[in-house]
Every structure is written in structure tokens, then in C-alpha cells.
N, C-alpha and C. Protein backbone atom coordinates (compact mmCIF):
# COMPACT_ATOMS: atom_id res chain seq x y z
N MET A 1 45.09 -30.46 19.08
CA MET A 1 44.27 -30.60 20.27
C MET A 1 43.62 -29.26 20.60
N THR A 2 42.40 -29.35 21.10
CA THR A 2 41.70 -28.16 21.55
C THR A 2 41.30 -28.39 23.00
N ALA A 3 41.00 -27.29 23.69
CA ALA A 3 40.64 -27.38 25.10
C ALA A 3 39.47 -26.45 25.39
N THR A 4 38.66 -26.87 26.35
CA THR A 4 37.55 -26.07 26.83
C THR A 4 37.23 -26.51 28.25
N THR A 5 36.26 -25.85 28.87
CA THR A 5 35.86 -26.21 30.23
C THR A 5 34.35 -26.28 30.32
N PHE A 6 33.90 -26.94 31.34
CA PHE A 6 32.49 -27.03 31.68
C PHE A 6 32.39 -26.93 33.20
N ALA A 7 31.45 -26.17 33.69
CA ALA A 7 31.24 -26.06 35.13
C ALA A 7 29.75 -26.09 35.42
N GLN A 8 29.42 -26.66 36.57
CA GLN A 8 28.04 -26.66 37.02
C GLN A 8 28.04 -26.66 38.54
N ASP A 9 26.95 -26.21 39.10
CA ASP A 9 26.74 -26.42 40.53
C ASP A 9 25.29 -26.75 40.76
N ILE A 10 25.08 -27.51 41.82
CA ILE A 10 23.73 -27.98 42.13
C ILE A 10 23.60 -28.05 43.64
N PHE A 11 22.43 -27.72 44.14
CA PHE A 11 22.15 -27.85 45.57
C PHE A 11 21.51 -29.21 45.82
N ILE A 12 22.03 -29.92 46.82
CA ILE A 12 21.47 -31.21 47.21
C ILE A 12 21.13 -31.13 48.70
N ALA A 13 19.91 -31.46 49.03
CA ALA A 13 19.45 -31.41 50.43
C ALA A 13 19.94 -32.65 51.18
N ALA A 14 21.26 -32.71 51.35
CA ALA A 14 21.92 -33.79 52.10
C ALA A 14 23.24 -33.21 52.61
N SER A 15 23.80 -33.83 53.61
CA SER A 15 25.02 -33.29 54.21
C SER A 15 26.20 -33.39 53.24
N PRO A 16 27.18 -32.49 53.39
CA PRO A 16 28.39 -32.60 52.54
C PRO A 16 29.05 -33.97 52.66
N ALA A 17 29.07 -34.54 53.85
CA ALA A 17 29.68 -35.86 54.04
C ALA A 17 28.95 -36.93 53.23
N ALA A 18 27.62 -36.88 53.23
CA ALA A 18 26.84 -37.88 52.48
C ALA A 18 27.06 -37.74 50.98
N VAL A 19 27.09 -36.50 50.50
CA VAL A 19 27.28 -36.26 49.07
C VAL A 19 28.69 -36.68 48.66
N ARG A 20 29.69 -36.29 49.45
CA ARG A 20 31.08 -36.65 49.16
C ARG A 20 31.25 -38.16 49.15
N GLU A 21 30.66 -38.84 50.12
CA GLU A 21 30.77 -40.29 50.23
C GLU A 21 30.18 -40.97 48.99
N GLU A 22 29.02 -40.50 48.56
CA GLU A 22 28.37 -41.09 47.38
C GLU A 22 29.23 -40.89 46.14
N LEU A 23 29.76 -39.68 45.96
CA LEU A 23 30.58 -39.42 44.78
C LEU A 23 31.94 -40.10 44.87
N ALA A 24 32.49 -40.22 46.08
CA ALA A 24 33.79 -40.88 46.23
C ALA A 24 33.70 -42.35 45.84
N HIS A 25 32.53 -42.94 46.00
CA HIS A 25 32.33 -44.35 45.63
C HIS A 25 31.51 -44.47 44.35
N LEU A 26 31.51 -43.43 43.57
CA LEU A 26 30.74 -43.39 42.33
C LEU A 26 31.05 -44.57 41.42
N MET A 27 32.32 -44.91 41.30
CA MET A 27 32.70 -45.93 40.33
C MET A 27 32.19 -47.32 40.70
N THR A 28 31.83 -47.53 41.96
CA THR A 28 31.31 -48.85 42.34
C THR A 28 29.86 -49.04 41.91
N ASN A 29 29.15 -47.93 41.68
CA ASN A 29 27.77 -48.02 41.21
C ASN A 29 27.50 -47.00 40.11
N VAL A 30 28.53 -46.74 39.31
CA VAL A 30 28.47 -45.65 38.33
C VAL A 30 27.36 -45.83 37.31
N SER A 31 27.07 -47.06 36.91
CA SER A 31 26.02 -47.25 35.90
C SER A 31 24.63 -46.86 36.43
N GLU A 32 24.49 -46.82 37.75
CA GLU A 32 23.22 -46.39 38.35
C GLU A 32 22.98 -44.90 38.13
N LEU A 33 24.05 -44.11 38.10
CA LEU A 33 23.92 -42.66 38.01
C LEU A 33 24.35 -42.08 36.66
N HIS A 34 25.39 -42.62 36.07
CA HIS A 34 25.94 -42.06 34.83
C HIS A 34 25.26 -42.69 33.62
N PRO A 35 24.63 -41.88 32.78
CA PRO A 35 23.82 -42.44 31.69
C PRO A 35 24.61 -43.14 30.58
N LEU A 36 25.90 -42.92 30.48
CA LEU A 36 26.68 -43.54 29.40
C LEU A 36 27.45 -44.78 29.83
N VAL A 37 27.67 -44.95 31.14
CA VAL A 37 28.53 -46.03 31.61
C VAL A 37 27.80 -47.36 31.63
N VAL A 38 28.45 -48.37 31.06
CA VAL A 38 27.93 -49.74 31.04
C VAL A 38 28.49 -50.50 32.25
N TRP A 39 29.80 -50.38 32.50
CA TRP A 39 30.43 -51.03 33.65
C TRP A 39 31.73 -50.33 33.99
N SER A 40 32.21 -50.57 35.21
CA SER A 40 33.53 -50.10 35.63
C SER A 40 34.21 -51.23 36.40
N TRP A 41 35.53 -51.22 36.36
CA TRP A 41 36.31 -52.27 37.00
C TRP A 41 37.50 -51.62 37.69
N LEU A 42 37.64 -51.87 38.99
CA LEU A 42 38.77 -51.36 39.76
C LEU A 42 40.02 -52.12 39.36
N VAL A 43 41.02 -51.42 38.86
CA VAL A 43 42.27 -52.02 38.43
C VAL A 43 43.25 -52.09 39.59
N LYS A 44 43.39 -50.97 40.32
CA LYS A 44 44.27 -50.93 41.47
C LYS A 44 43.95 -49.70 42.30
N ALA A 45 44.45 -49.71 43.52
CA ALA A 45 44.34 -48.56 44.42
C ALA A 45 45.70 -48.37 45.06
N GLU A 46 46.03 -47.12 45.33
CA GLU A 46 47.30 -46.83 45.99
C GLU A 46 47.14 -45.61 46.88
N ILE A 47 48.07 -45.44 47.76
CA ILE A 47 48.05 -44.29 48.66
C ILE A 47 48.98 -43.22 48.09
N ALA A 48 48.46 -42.01 47.95
CA ALA A 48 49.23 -40.88 47.45
C ALA A 48 50.16 -40.37 48.55
N PRO A 49 51.16 -39.59 48.20
CA PRO A 49 52.08 -39.04 49.21
C PRO A 49 51.37 -38.24 50.32
N ASP A 50 50.21 -37.65 50.01
CA ASP A 50 49.48 -36.89 51.02
C ASP A 50 48.61 -37.77 51.92
N GLY A 51 48.64 -39.09 51.70
CA GLY A 51 47.87 -40.02 52.52
C GLY A 51 46.49 -40.36 51.97
N SER A 52 46.07 -39.71 50.92
CA SER A 52 44.76 -40.00 50.32
C SER A 52 44.88 -41.21 49.40
N LYS A 53 43.73 -41.79 49.09
CA LYS A 53 43.70 -42.98 48.24
C LYS A 53 43.37 -42.59 46.80
N ILE A 54 44.12 -43.17 45.87
CA ILE A 54 43.84 -43.00 44.45
C ILE A 54 43.39 -44.36 43.92
N GLU A 55 42.24 -44.36 43.25
CA GLU A 55 41.72 -45.59 42.66
C GLU A 55 41.76 -45.46 41.15
N TYR A 56 42.19 -46.55 40.49
CA TYR A 56 42.32 -46.60 39.04
C TYR A 56 41.31 -47.59 38.48
N TYR A 57 40.57 -47.16 37.47
CA TYR A 57 39.49 -47.96 36.90
C TYR A 57 39.62 -48.08 35.38
N GLN A 58 39.05 -49.15 34.87
CA GLN A 58 38.71 -49.27 33.46
C GLN A 58 37.20 -49.05 33.41
N VAL A 59 36.75 -48.27 32.45
CA VAL A 59 35.33 -47.93 32.33
C VAL A 59 34.88 -48.20 30.90
N ARG A 60 33.69 -48.74 30.78
CA ARG A 60 33.10 -49.00 29.46
C ARG A 60 31.89 -48.08 29.30
N ASP A 61 31.91 -47.27 28.25
CA ASP A 61 30.81 -46.35 27.92
C ASP A 61 30.16 -46.78 26.62
N ARG A 62 28.97 -46.28 26.41
CA ARG A 62 28.31 -46.38 25.12
C ARG A 62 27.71 -45.02 24.82
N MET A 63 27.75 -44.65 23.57
CA MET A 63 27.29 -43.32 23.17
C MET A 63 26.58 -43.42 21.82
N LYS A 64 25.49 -42.69 21.69
CA LYS A 64 24.77 -42.61 20.41
C LYS A 64 25.44 -41.55 19.55
N LEU A 65 25.73 -41.94 18.34
CA LEU A 65 26.23 -41.01 17.32
C LEU A 65 25.31 -41.15 16.11
N GLY A 66 24.33 -40.25 16.05
CA GLY A 66 23.32 -40.38 15.00
C GLY A 66 22.56 -41.67 15.19
N PRO A 67 22.44 -42.47 14.16
CA PRO A 67 21.69 -43.73 14.28
C PRO A 67 22.51 -44.88 14.88
N PHE A 68 23.79 -44.61 15.17
CA PHE A 68 24.69 -45.66 15.64
C PHE A 68 24.98 -45.53 17.13
N THR A 69 25.21 -46.65 17.79
CA THR A 69 25.68 -46.68 19.17
C THR A 69 27.09 -47.25 19.14
N ILE A 70 28.03 -46.51 19.71
CA ILE A 70 29.40 -47.00 19.79
C ILE A 70 29.76 -47.23 21.25
N SER A 71 30.64 -48.18 21.48
CA SER A 71 31.13 -48.47 22.83
C SER A 71 32.63 -48.29 22.85
N PHE A 72 33.15 -47.87 23.98
CA PHE A 72 34.59 -47.67 24.11
C PHE A 72 34.97 -47.82 25.57
N THR A 73 36.22 -48.21 25.78
CA THR A 73 36.76 -48.41 27.12
C THR A 73 37.85 -47.38 27.34
N TYR A 74 37.92 -46.85 28.55
CA TYR A 74 38.92 -45.84 28.87
C TYR A 74 39.35 -45.97 30.33
N LYS A 75 40.35 -45.19 30.71
CA LYS A 75 40.91 -45.24 32.06
C LYS A 75 40.46 -44.03 32.86
N VAL A 76 40.20 -44.27 34.15
CA VAL A 76 39.82 -43.20 35.07
C VAL A 76 40.62 -43.39 36.36
N ASP A 77 41.13 -42.27 36.89
CA ASP A 77 41.65 -42.31 38.26
C ASP A 77 40.87 -41.32 39.09
N MET A 78 40.58 -41.72 40.33
CA MET A 78 39.79 -40.89 41.25
C MET A 78 40.51 -40.76 42.57
N ASN A 79 40.42 -39.56 43.15
CA ASN A 79 41.09 -39.25 44.40
C ASN A 79 40.25 -38.28 45.21
N VAL A 80 39.99 -38.62 46.48
CA VAL A 80 39.40 -37.65 47.40
C VAL A 80 40.57 -37.06 48.17
N THR A 81 40.81 -35.78 47.97
CA THR A 81 41.97 -35.12 48.57
C THR A 81 41.80 -34.99 50.08
N PRO A 82 42.89 -34.73 50.80
CA PRO A 82 42.77 -34.51 52.25
C PRO A 82 41.83 -33.35 52.61
N THR A 83 41.63 -32.40 51.69
CA THR A 83 40.71 -31.29 51.94
C THR A 83 39.27 -31.65 51.59
N GLY A 84 39.04 -32.90 51.10
CA GLY A 84 37.68 -33.34 50.82
C GLY A 84 37.19 -33.08 49.42
N HIS A 85 38.05 -32.57 48.55
CA HIS A 85 37.66 -32.38 47.15
C HIS A 85 37.83 -33.70 46.40
N LEU A 86 37.06 -33.86 45.35
CA LEU A 86 37.17 -35.04 44.51
C LEU A 86 37.84 -34.62 43.21
N HIS A 87 38.92 -35.30 42.87
CA HIS A 87 39.62 -35.05 41.61
C HIS A 87 39.62 -36.34 40.81
N SER A 88 39.38 -36.24 39.51
CA SER A 88 39.46 -37.43 38.66
C SER A 88 39.99 -37.04 37.30
N ASN A 89 40.57 -38.02 36.65
CA ASN A 89 41.05 -37.90 35.28
C ASN A 89 40.46 -39.04 34.48
N ALA A 90 39.96 -38.73 33.30
CA ALA A 90 39.51 -39.76 32.37
C ALA A 90 40.36 -39.63 31.11
N TYR A 91 40.97 -40.74 30.71
CA TYR A 91 41.85 -40.77 29.54
C TYR A 91 41.24 -41.72 28.51
N GLN A 92 41.00 -41.19 27.33
CA GLN A 92 40.29 -41.93 26.30
C GLN A 92 40.99 -41.70 24.96
N ALA A 93 41.09 -42.74 24.15
CA ALA A 93 41.67 -42.57 22.83
C ALA A 93 40.65 -41.87 21.93
N PRO A 94 41.06 -41.09 21.00
CA PRO A 94 42.42 -40.70 20.66
C PRO A 94 42.79 -39.35 21.27
N GLY A 95 43.42 -39.35 22.40
CA GLY A 95 43.92 -38.12 23.01
C GLY A 95 42.90 -37.30 23.77
N ILE A 96 41.82 -37.92 24.22
CA ILE A 96 40.80 -37.20 25.00
C ILE A 96 41.17 -37.28 26.48
N HIS A 97 41.10 -36.15 27.17
CA HIS A 97 41.39 -36.09 28.60
C HIS A 97 40.36 -35.18 29.27
N LEU A 98 39.70 -35.68 30.30
CA LEU A 98 38.81 -34.88 31.12
C LEU A 98 39.37 -34.85 32.53
N TYR A 99 39.66 -33.65 33.02
CA TYR A 99 40.13 -33.47 34.40
C TYR A 99 38.99 -32.83 35.17
N ASN A 100 38.51 -33.53 36.17
CA ASN A 100 37.33 -33.12 36.93
C ASN A 100 37.72 -32.76 38.36
N GLN A 101 37.25 -31.61 38.81
CA GLN A 101 37.40 -31.20 40.21
C GLN A 101 36.00 -30.94 40.75
N THR A 102 35.67 -31.59 41.85
CA THR A 102 34.36 -31.42 42.47
C THR A 102 34.58 -31.09 43.93
N TRP A 103 33.86 -30.09 44.43
CA TRP A 103 33.96 -29.76 45.83
C TRP A 103 32.58 -29.54 46.40
N PHE A 104 32.51 -29.58 47.74
CA PHE A 104 31.25 -29.65 48.47
C PHE A 104 31.24 -28.57 49.54
N GLU A 105 30.24 -27.70 49.51
CA GLU A 105 30.15 -26.61 50.47
C GLU A 105 28.82 -26.72 51.22
N ALA A 106 28.90 -26.70 52.55
CA ALA A 106 27.67 -26.70 53.34
C ALA A 106 26.88 -25.44 53.01
N GLU A 107 25.58 -25.62 52.81
CA GLU A 107 24.71 -24.49 52.49
C GLU A 107 23.33 -24.77 53.06
N ASN A 108 22.87 -23.91 53.95
CA ASN A 108 21.59 -24.10 54.62
C ASN A 108 21.52 -25.51 55.18
N ASN A 109 20.53 -26.30 54.79
CA ASN A 109 20.40 -27.67 55.30
C ASN A 109 20.86 -28.69 54.26
N GLY A 110 21.90 -28.36 53.52
CA GLY A 110 22.37 -29.26 52.49
C GLY A 110 23.76 -28.93 52.01
N THR A 111 23.98 -29.21 50.74
CA THR A 111 25.32 -29.08 50.16
C THR A 111 25.23 -28.45 48.78
N ARG A 112 26.08 -27.48 48.56
CA ARG A 112 26.28 -26.92 47.22
C ARG A 112 27.44 -27.73 46.62
N VAL A 113 27.15 -28.45 45.54
CA VAL A 113 28.16 -29.25 44.86
C VAL A 113 28.59 -28.47 43.63
N ARG A 114 29.89 -28.24 43.52
CA ARG A 114 30.44 -27.51 42.38
C ARG A 114 31.38 -28.44 41.61
N GLU A 115 31.20 -28.46 40.33
CA GLU A 115 32.01 -29.32 39.47
C GLU A 115 32.63 -28.47 38.37
N HIS A 116 33.90 -28.71 38.12
CA HIS A 116 34.62 -28.03 37.04
C HIS A 116 35.39 -29.09 36.26
N ILE A 117 35.17 -29.13 34.94
CA ILE A 117 35.84 -30.12 34.09
C ILE A 117 36.64 -29.39 33.01
N ASP A 118 37.93 -29.71 32.94
CA ASP A 118 38.79 -29.26 31.84
C ASP A 118 38.79 -30.38 30.81
N ILE A 119 38.46 -30.04 29.57
CA ILE A 119 38.34 -31.03 28.51
C ILE A 119 39.38 -30.73 27.43
N THR A 120 40.15 -31.76 27.09
CA THR A 120 41.09 -31.67 25.97
C THR A 120 40.74 -32.79 25.00
N ALA A 121 40.67 -32.44 23.71
CA ALA A 121 40.32 -33.44 22.70
C ALA A 121 40.80 -32.95 21.34
N PRO A 122 40.96 -33.86 20.40
CA PRO A 122 41.24 -33.43 19.03
C PRO A 122 40.09 -32.53 18.55
N GLY A 123 40.41 -31.53 17.76
CA GLY A 123 39.40 -30.58 17.31
C GLY A 123 38.17 -31.22 16.71
N TRP A 124 38.36 -32.25 15.91
CA TRP A 124 37.24 -32.89 15.24
C TRP A 124 36.34 -33.68 16.19
N LEU A 125 36.81 -33.94 17.43
CA LEU A 125 36.00 -34.65 18.43
C LEU A 125 35.51 -33.76 19.57
N MET A 126 35.93 -32.49 19.58
CA MET A 126 35.62 -31.64 20.74
C MET A 126 34.12 -31.47 20.95
N LYS A 127 33.36 -31.17 19.91
CA LYS A 127 31.92 -30.94 20.10
C LYS A 127 31.25 -32.20 20.66
N THR A 128 31.56 -33.36 20.10
CA THR A 128 30.97 -34.61 20.59
C THR A 128 31.40 -34.88 22.03
N THR A 129 32.68 -34.68 22.32
CA THR A 129 33.20 -34.90 23.67
C THR A 129 32.55 -33.94 24.67
N TYR A 130 32.52 -32.67 24.32
CA TYR A 130 31.93 -31.65 25.20
C TYR A 130 30.44 -31.92 25.43
N ASP A 131 29.69 -32.12 24.35
CA ASP A 131 28.26 -32.36 24.48
C ASP A 131 27.97 -33.60 25.33
N GLY A 132 28.75 -34.67 25.13
CA GLY A 132 28.57 -35.89 25.92
C GLY A 132 28.87 -35.67 27.39
N ALA A 133 29.95 -34.94 27.68
CA ALA A 133 30.32 -34.67 29.08
C ALA A 133 29.26 -33.81 29.75
N VAL A 134 28.84 -32.75 29.09
CA VAL A 134 27.85 -31.84 29.68
C VAL A 134 26.54 -32.56 29.95
N SER A 135 25.99 -33.23 28.94
CA SER A 135 24.67 -33.85 29.14
C SER A 135 24.74 -34.99 30.15
N SER A 136 25.80 -35.81 30.10
CA SER A 136 25.87 -36.94 31.03
C SER A 136 26.12 -36.48 32.46
N HIS A 137 26.93 -35.45 32.66
CA HIS A 137 27.19 -34.99 34.02
C HIS A 137 26.00 -34.24 34.60
N LYS A 138 25.27 -33.51 33.79
CA LYS A 138 24.03 -32.88 34.28
C LYS A 138 23.04 -33.95 34.72
N GLU A 139 22.88 -34.98 33.89
CA GLU A 139 21.97 -36.06 34.24
C GLU A 139 22.46 -36.82 35.47
N MET A 140 23.76 -37.07 35.56
CA MET A 140 24.32 -37.79 36.70
C MET A 140 24.08 -37.03 38.01
N PHE A 141 24.29 -35.72 37.99
CA PHE A 141 24.08 -34.95 39.22
C PHE A 141 22.60 -34.82 39.56
N ALA A 142 21.73 -34.78 38.57
CA ALA A 142 20.30 -34.77 38.84
C ALA A 142 19.88 -36.09 39.49
N LYS A 143 20.40 -37.22 38.99
CA LYS A 143 20.10 -38.52 39.60
C LYS A 143 20.68 -38.62 41.01
N LEU A 144 21.88 -38.08 41.21
CA LEU A 144 22.49 -38.07 42.54
C LEU A 144 21.62 -37.28 43.51
N LYS A 145 21.17 -36.11 43.08
CA LYS A 145 20.29 -35.28 43.92
C LYS A 145 19.02 -36.04 44.29
N GLU A 146 18.39 -36.65 43.29
CA GLU A 146 17.15 -37.41 43.53
C GLU A 146 17.41 -38.56 44.52
N LYS A 147 18.48 -39.30 44.31
CA LYS A 147 18.79 -40.44 45.17
C LYS A 147 19.04 -40.02 46.61
N LEU A 148 19.88 -39.01 46.80
CA LEU A 148 20.23 -38.60 48.17
C LEU A 148 19.07 -37.91 48.88
N GLU A 149 18.31 -37.10 48.16
CA GLU A 149 17.18 -36.43 48.80
C GLU A 149 16.07 -37.41 49.13
N LYS A 150 15.90 -38.42 48.30
CA LYS A 150 14.91 -39.46 48.59
C LYS A 150 15.34 -40.24 49.83
N ALA A 151 16.64 -40.51 49.97
CA ALA A 151 17.15 -41.22 51.15
C ALA A 151 16.97 -40.39 52.41
N GLN A 152 17.03 -39.06 52.29
CA GLN A 152 16.85 -38.17 53.43
C GLN A 152 15.38 -38.11 53.87
N ASN A 153 14.48 -38.22 52.89
CA ASN A 153 13.04 -38.10 53.15
C ASN A 153 12.28 -39.24 52.50
N PRO A 154 12.46 -40.47 52.99
CA PRO A 154 11.74 -41.58 52.37
C PRO A 154 10.24 -41.42 52.51
N VAL A 155 9.51 -41.81 51.50
CA VAL A 155 8.05 -41.67 51.52
C VAL A 155 7.41 -42.92 52.08
């Protein structure tokens, strides 16, 4: 197994509460924002010892590998902590794990969204896993920014 990280931050001209709310419910409309996700299904929800809710999902992705498109299903758990951070884990065979921490900081008339992902994968899959995570999360946050800013300033 090998490990690496990816981090990004983006400014969104919307309140921290609006951004957090959209990301906290990401899995209910994930295919709208995430370029690889085909569908998600809520398996169960439970209350953590700290009083926050943890939601468990099955997710179906599709990814281009050269001339081929492959599909795979994996597990995700998501939690908005009592401090308002979003934590999630994605578990995918064979031995791929993405641990995501996202937090929201008020900045001027909007929100600075910071995301940090720890990626663990077999060495032979790390480049594909890393490249897929980076490109899809950059696109997802760009779509989130567009959606929320458009809602703030409808034309």
C-alpha cells in the first residue's frame, strides 16, 4: 500500500452555512456535482457519541481508463462534526481508502472551503486513484461554486 494527500481550497461567494448544508447533503444529489458518480444509495444513518449524524452510502462510479469505461460500487460514510467540519471515508476494492476532511471559514462576503484528502491505495493503482480524486474533486467544487453563487445572484 502507498499513501499520499491532496488538498485544495476555493472561495465561494455564499455563507458558510449554505456551503456546509450543500456539502452535508452532497450524497442526495451527488451525480449533479461529482463527475464520476452515477448514483448513491443511503444504507443507514446513526448518531455518533458526540451527537452528530453519520450517514452510510453505497455509491456507483464510472471512470474512463484509456478507451474503456469501468464501473464500480464502493462504501462512503459522511459526518458533519459538532464543530461544523465535514468528514468522510470512501472504501473501495482493492484496498483503496480516501479520508476527506472539509472545513468552512467565513471570508469577506463568502466562504473559504478547504479540503484535505488522505489517499491510500495499492501502488499499482495510486496514480489512477490520485488523478481521479484530484480531477473529480476540483470539478465538483467548481460546480458547487457555480451552483451556490448562481443561487445567490440569480439572473
